Amino acid sequence: TAEGMCRLAAEALGIDVMDVLPASTGVIGPSLPLAPIAAAMPALAAALSETGSSEAAEAIMTTDTKVKTIAVEFDIDGTTCHIGGICKGSGMIHPNMGTMLCFITTDCAVSSEMIRKALLFNVKRTFNRVTVDGDTSTNDMCTVLANGMAGNAEITAEGPAYEAFCEALQSVMQ
C-alpha cells in the first residue's frame, strides 16, 4: 500500500517515485485500501501550494489537540536562510501507541551528510526526550529537506555555518 501511494503521488506530481517519502499514522497493522487514495490523489496534488504549510500541519493532526508548526530565520555568512517544520505527535486510538511525524524544510544549501549529522545530533536532544505513553511507534519519523534556494555556499563540513544551521534546526525541533 505504501509503495502504491508513492507511485500514485509520483504520477500525480510528475516526479520520480524515489522522490516521494511515505509517512503514516493510525492503527498499526491493518492495510489501507488503495482505491480511495487513488480517487483522491488528483485533487490532493492540485491543492498543493507554496503557502499550504498550515493546511498540511492541520491535515496530519489526527488526535492532536493543536497544530504544531514553526519557522525561523538564520544567517549563513551574510545570507538569510529559513527553516520550518510541521509535526504531529499525540496518543493514538489504542493505548501504548504514539506516532510522531515531523517534516522540516529549509532553503539553506547544506549537504545530505551535514543534514544527517545535524538531525541525528538534534533528535537526541529533542524528540527522543519526549514521551506520550512510554512507547514508540513503528511509524515515528522525522525528515529534513533542503533545496538550497537561499543561495548560501553549501555547508559541507563542520564550522560556523554548520553550527548556525544546527542551532536553527534545534530551535525548530524543540
Protein backbone atom coordinates (compact mmCIF):
# COMPACT_ATOMS: atom_id res chain seq x y z
CA THR A 1 0.00 0.00 0.00
CA ALA A 2 2.83 2.42 0.88
CA GLU A 3 4.58 1.71 -2.42
CA GLY A 4 1.27 2.14 -4.24
CA MET A 5 0.66 5.50 -2.56
CA CYS A 6 4.17 6.61 -3.53
CA ARG A 7 3.54 5.62 -7.16
CA LEU A 8 0.22 7.48 -7.19
CA ALA A 9 1.80 10.62 -5.74
CA ALA A 10 4.75 10.47 -8.15
CA GLU A 11 2.44 10.10 -11.14
CA ALA A 12 0.16 12.94 -10.00
CA LEU A 13 3.13 15.26 -9.42
CA GLY A 14 5.22 14.19 -12.42
CA ILE A 15 8.21 13.27 -10.25
CA ASP A 16 10.32 10.17 -9.69
CA VAL A 17 8.80 7.69 -7.25
CA MET A 18 12.12 7.70 -5.34
CA ASP A 19 11.47 11.38 -4.51
CA VAL A 20 8.30 10.53 -2.55
CA LEU A 21 8.61 9.99 1.19
CA PRO A 22 5.80 7.94 2.71
CA ALA A 23 4.60 8.62 6.24
CA SER A 24 1.75 7.03 8.11
CA THR A 25 -0.27 7.33 11.26
CA GLY A 26 -3.22 5.43 12.62
CA VAL A 27 -3.78 1.93 13.93
CA ILE A 28 -0.71 -0.18 13.19
CA GLY A 29 -1.27 -3.40 11.29
CA PRO A 30 -4.40 -3.04 9.15
CA SER A 31 -3.74 -2.21 5.49
CA LEU A 32 -5.42 0.81 3.98
CA PRO A 33 -7.38 0.27 0.78
CA LEU A 34 -5.60 1.98 -2.11
CA ALA A 35 -8.74 2.78 -4.16
CA PRO A 36 -9.96 5.77 -2.07
CA ILE A 37 -6.43 7.18 -2.03
CA ALA A 38 -6.15 6.78 -5.81
CA ALA A 39 -9.50 8.51 -6.26
CA ALA A 40 -8.42 11.46 -4.06
CA MET A 41 -4.88 11.85 -5.43
CA PRO A 42 -5.64 14.25 -8.34
CA ALA A 43 -7.43 16.67 -6.01
CA LEU A 44 -4.71 16.35 -3.38
CA ALA A 45 -1.98 17.09 -5.94
CA ALA A 46 -3.93 20.04 -7.33
CA ALA A 47 -4.34 21.52 -3.84
CA LEU A 48 -0.59 21.67 -3.17
CA SER A 49 0.81 25.18 -2.86
CA GLU A 50 3.87 27.02 -1.59
CA THR A 51 1.65 28.57 1.08
CA GLY A 52 -0.05 25.34 2.20
CA SER A 53 2.00 24.62 5.30
CA SER A 54 -0.87 25.44 7.67
CA GLU A 55 -3.22 23.11 5.81
CA ALA A 56 -0.61 20.34 5.85
CA ALA A 57 0.02 20.82 9.57
CA GLU A 58 -3.71 20.57 10.24
CA ALA A 59 -4.12 17.54 7.96
CA ILE A 60 -1.62 15.43 9.91
CA MET A 61 -3.07 16.19 13.35
CA THR A 62 -5.18 13.04 13.87
CA THR A 63 -5.68 13.03 17.66
CA ASP A 64 -3.53 16.11 18.35
CA THR A 65 -5.30 18.96 20.10
CA LYS A 66 -3.37 21.78 18.42
CA VAL A 67 -1.34 22.45 15.29
CA LYS A 68 2.42 22.16 15.73
CA THR A 69 4.28 24.46 13.34
CA ILE A 70 7.26 26.82 13.48
CA ALA A 71 9.64 28.67 11.19
CA VAL A 72 12.85 30.57 11.95
CA GLU A 73 15.36 32.71 10.08
CA PHE A 74 19.11 32.38 10.50
CA ASP A 75 22.23 33.81 8.90
CA ILE A 76 24.92 31.93 6.98
CA ASP A 77 27.82 34.21 6.04
CA GLY A 78 25.52 37.17 5.40
CA THR A 79 22.81 35.16 3.63
CA THR A 80 19.40 34.90 5.29
CA CYS A 81 18.19 31.31 5.40
CA HIS A 82 14.90 29.86 6.62
CA ILE A 83 13.93 26.60 8.24
CA GLY A 84 10.45 25.50 9.22
CA GLY A 85 8.63 22.43 10.32
CA ILE A 86 5.30 20.83 10.95
CA CYS A 87 4.82 17.98 13.36
CA LYS A 88 2.19 15.77 14.89
CA GLY A 89 2.52 13.68 17.95
CA SER A 90 -0.11 12.51 20.35
CA GLY A 91 -1.62 9.41 21.80
CA MET A 92 -3.19 7.08 19.30
CA ILE A 93 -6.54 5.32 19.19
CA HIS A 94 -5.32 2.37 21.25
CA PRO A 95 -3.26 2.62 24.45
CA ASN A 96 0.51 2.28 24.31
CA MET A 97 0.86 3.80 20.87
CA GLY A 98 2.07 7.21 19.83
CA THR A 99 3.11 8.32 16.38
CA MET A 100 5.35 11.31 15.85
CA LEU A 101 5.64 12.64 12.32
CA CYS A 102 7.84 15.65 11.60
CA PHE A 103 8.51 17.35 8.27
CA ILE A 104 11.20 20.06 8.19
CA THR A 105 12.20 22.11 5.16
CA THR A 106 14.93 24.66 4.62
CA ASP A 107 16.15 26.87 1.79
CA CYS A 108 19.70 26.57 3.14
CA ALA A 109 22.27 24.86 0.90
CA VAL A 110 23.58 22.02 3.05
CA SER A 111 24.93 18.62 2.05
CA SER A 112 22.99 15.47 2.86
CA GLU A 113 25.86 14.35 5.12
CA MET A 114 25.65 17.55 7.20
CA ILE A 115 21.83 17.40 7.35
CA ARG A 116 22.06 13.83 8.61
CA LYS A 117 24.68 14.76 11.21
CA ALA A 118 22.63 17.75 12.45
CA LEU A 119 19.39 15.76 12.50
CA LEU A 120 20.85 12.84 14.46
CA PHE A 121 22.50 15.23 16.93
CA ASN A 122 19.32 17.23 17.48
CA VAL A 123 16.85 14.34 17.57
CA LYS A 124 18.68 13.02 20.64
CA ARG A 125 18.27 16.41 22.32
CA THR A 126 14.63 16.98 21.36
CA PHE A 127 12.25 14.30 20.07
CA ASN A 128 13.94 11.35 21.75
CA ARG A 129 13.31 13.05 25.10
CA VAL A 130 9.55 13.24 24.59
CA THR A 131 7.13 10.50 25.53
CA VAL A 132 3.37 10.32 25.22
CA ASP A 133 2.79 6.91 26.72
CA GLY A 134 6.23 5.33 27.13
CA ASP A 135 6.33 3.58 23.77
CA THR A 136 7.49 4.40 20.28
CA SER A 137 5.59 3.68 17.12
CA THR A 138 6.73 1.78 14.09
CA ASN A 139 5.72 4.88 12.15
CA ASP A 140 7.71 7.56 14.05
CA MET A 141 9.72 9.65 11.62
CA CYS A 142 11.43 12.97 11.09
CA THR A 143 12.72 14.26 7.77
CA VAL A 144 14.65 17.35 6.73
CA LEU A 145 14.55 18.54 3.12
CA ALA A 146 16.83 21.27 1.77
CA ASN A 147 16.57 22.96 -1.64
CA GLY A 148 19.49 25.44 -1.45
CA MET A 149 17.38 28.32 -2.75
CA ALA A 150 18.73 30.75 -0.12
CA GLY A 151 21.92 30.95 -2.19
CA ASN A 152 24.45 30.45 0.61
CA ALA A 153 27.64 28.49 -0.02
CA GLU A 154 26.79 24.84 0.55
CA ILE A 155 27.59 23.61 4.04
CA THR A 156 29.77 20.53 3.56
CA ALA A 157 31.76 20.43 6.82
CA GLU A 158 31.61 21.49 10.43
CA GLY A 159 32.33 25.14 11.17
CA PRO A 160 30.43 28.37 11.88
CA ALA A 161 27.91 27.83 9.04
CA TYR A 162 27.18 24.26 10.19
CA GLU A 163 26.80 25.45 13.79
CA ALA A 164 24.29 28.14 12.70
CA PHE A 165 22.30 25.55 10.71
CA CYS A 166 22.41 23.05 13.59
CA GLU A 167 21.22 25.69 16.08
CA ALA A 168 18.32 26.73 13.81
CA LEU A 169 17.37 23.07 13.33
CA GLN A 170 17.34 22.55 17.10
CA SER A 171 15.07 25.59 17.51
CA VAL A 172 12.59 24.10 15.07
CA MET A 173 12.76 20.60 16.54
CA GLN A 174 12.46 21.85 20.12
